[in-house]
Amino acid sequence: MTDTQQRSAVRYDRGEDGIVVLTLDDPTASANTMNDLYRDSMAAAVDQLDAEKADIVGVVVTSAKKTFFAGGNLRKMMEATPEDAPAIFAEVEGEPVQITSSPAVAVGLRPTWLKNAAKL
């Protein structure tokens, strides 16, 4: 098992009320960025959402960091060369995610607000 498979940048918690809380929290950095761990973790979370969609009534996406999401991985961007552009573009575009009959999604709520999320 690789290091990326052992850690996750997205915690998945489904409550008895059917609300899933996805918490962005990259254990390798002080800010959440678009790195390999994030992409793999979010893909796994989306797969789990799709598998459990019949039992989900809503999804809250939040962050354990001071900033919600810092964006691109600056280290990786600085190392990129013009020759890397096609591969980087393809990586960013990725495969579109489609979840049919998707539940309501609330993005960016602070953890202290989650206790009131069911009332939204």
Protein backbone atom coordinates (compact mmCIF):
# COMPACT_ATOMS: atom_id res chain seq x y z
CA MET A 1 0.00 0.00 0.00
CA THR A 2 1.39 3.42 -0.94
CA ASP A 3 1.65 6.40 1.39
CA THR A 4 -1.16 8.17 -0.52
CA GLN A 5 -3.46 5.19 -0.02
CA GLN A 6 -2.84 5.20 3.74
CA ARG A 7 -3.64 8.90 4.23
CA SER A 8 -6.53 11.00 3.05
CA ALA A 9 -6.98 14.73 2.51
CA VAL A 10 -10.77 14.32 2.65
CA ARG A 11 -12.51 12.88 5.71
CA TYR A 12 -15.90 11.29 4.99
CA ASP A 13 -18.41 11.17 7.84
CA ARG A 14 -22.06 10.15 7.33
CA GLY A 15 -24.38 10.77 10.23
CA GLU A 16 -27.49 8.81 11.12
CA ASP A 17 -29.51 11.72 9.68
CA GLY A 18 -28.12 10.98 6.19
CA ILE A 19 -25.95 14.09 6.04
CA VAL A 20 -22.38 13.50 4.85
CA VAL A 21 -19.66 15.87 6.00
CA LEU A 22 -16.57 15.98 3.78
CA THR A 23 -13.76 17.71 5.67
CA LEU A 24 -10.79 18.90 3.64
CA ASP A 25 -7.68 18.42 5.77
CA ASP A 26 -4.42 17.58 4.01
CA PRO A 27 -2.19 15.96 6.66
CA THR A 28 0.94 16.83 4.66
CA ALA A 29 0.48 20.62 4.48
CA SER A 30 -0.69 23.69 6.37
CA ALA A 31 -3.15 24.49 3.55
CA ASN A 32 -5.36 22.35 1.34
CA THR A 33 -4.12 22.44 -2.26
CA MET A 34 -4.81 20.63 -5.52
CA ASN A 35 -2.16 17.96 -5.10
CA ASP A 36 -2.12 14.22 -5.81
CA LEU A 37 -3.31 13.32 -2.31
CA TYR A 38 -6.27 15.71 -2.58
CA ARG A 39 -7.28 14.42 -6.03
CA ASP A 40 -7.06 10.77 -4.95
CA SER A 41 -8.90 11.49 -1.70
CA MET A 42 -11.69 13.49 -3.34
CA ALA A 43 -12.12 10.83 -6.03
CA ALA A 44 -12.53 8.19 -3.29
CA ALA A 45 -15.03 10.41 -1.43
CA VAL A 46 -17.07 10.97 -4.61
CA ASP A 47 -17.07 7.23 -5.31
CA GLN A 48 -18.35 6.61 -1.78
CA LEU A 49 -21.04 9.32 -2.20
CA ASP A 50 -22.17 7.65 -5.40
CA ALA A 51 -22.26 4.22 -3.76
CA GLU A 52 -24.29 5.52 -0.79
CA LYS A 53 -26.46 8.09 -2.61
CA ALA A 54 -29.72 6.29 -1.77
CA ASP A 55 -29.03 6.86 1.94
CA ILE A 56 -27.75 10.45 1.68
CA VAL A 57 -29.97 13.53 2.09
CA GLY A 58 -27.25 16.17 1.97
CA VAL A 59 -23.53 16.83 1.76
CA VAL A 60 -21.56 19.49 3.62
CA VAL A 61 -18.06 20.31 2.40
CA THR A 62 -15.93 22.06 5.00
CA SER A 63 -12.27 22.54 5.89
CA ALA A 64 -10.25 21.85 9.01
CA LYS A 65 -7.73 24.49 7.89
CA LYS A 66 -7.85 28.28 8.39
CA THR A 67 -8.34 28.65 4.64
CA PHE A 68 -10.91 26.54 2.86
CA PHE A 69 -8.80 25.66 -0.18
CA ALA A 70 -5.68 27.46 -1.40
CA GLY A 71 -5.90 26.28 -5.03
CA GLY A 72 -3.09 24.91 -7.14
CA ASN A 73 0.04 23.35 -5.68
CA LEU A 74 2.57 26.18 -6.11
CA ARG A 75 5.61 23.91 -5.75
CA LYS A 76 4.40 21.71 -8.55
CA MET A 77 3.48 24.73 -10.69
CA MET A 78 6.94 26.27 -10.26
CA GLU A 79 8.61 23.03 -11.36
CA ALA A 80 6.48 22.78 -14.52
CA THR A 81 7.99 23.42 -17.93
CA PRO A 82 6.24 24.32 -21.19
CA GLU A 83 6.55 20.66 -22.18
CA ASP A 84 4.48 19.73 -19.10
CA ALA A 85 1.52 21.91 -20.18
CA PRO A 86 -0.52 19.24 -22.03
CA ALA A 87 -0.23 16.75 -19.16
CA ILE A 88 -1.08 19.39 -16.54
CA PHE A 89 -4.08 20.57 -18.54
CA ALA A 90 -5.36 17.00 -18.92
CA GLU A 91 -4.85 16.40 -15.19
CA VAL A 92 -6.82 19.51 -14.23
CA GLU A 93 -9.63 18.79 -16.68
CA GLY A 94 -9.93 15.18 -15.52
CA GLU A 95 -13.09 13.18 -15.88
CA PRO A 96 -16.33 15.01 -15.09
CA VAL A 97 -18.11 13.72 -12.01
CA GLN A 98 -21.78 12.91 -12.37
CA ILE A 99 -23.90 11.78 -9.48
CA THR A 100 -27.50 11.35 -10.51
CA SER A 101 -30.19 12.29 -8.02
CA SER A 102 -27.57 14.13 -6.02
CA PRO A 103 -28.47 15.39 -2.55
CA ALA A 104 -28.25 19.00 -1.45
CA VAL A 105 -24.71 20.29 -1.04
CA ALA A 106 -23.57 23.06 1.30
CA VAL A 107 -19.99 24.18 0.72
CA GLY A 108 -17.69 26.05 3.07
CA LEU A 109 -19.53 25.80 6.35
CA ARG A 110 -17.41 26.10 9.46
CA PRO A 111 -17.52 23.08 11.80
CA THR A 112 -19.34 25.11 14.46
CA TRP A 113 -22.22 25.61 12.01
CA LEU A 114 -22.61 21.91 11.27
CA LYS A 115 -24.87 21.26 14.21
CA ASN A 116 -27.43 23.53 12.53
CA ALA A 117 -26.96 22.05 9.03
CA ALA A 118 -29.96 19.75 9.37
CA LYS A 119 -32.18 22.80 9.85
CA LEU A 120 -31.15 24.32 6.47
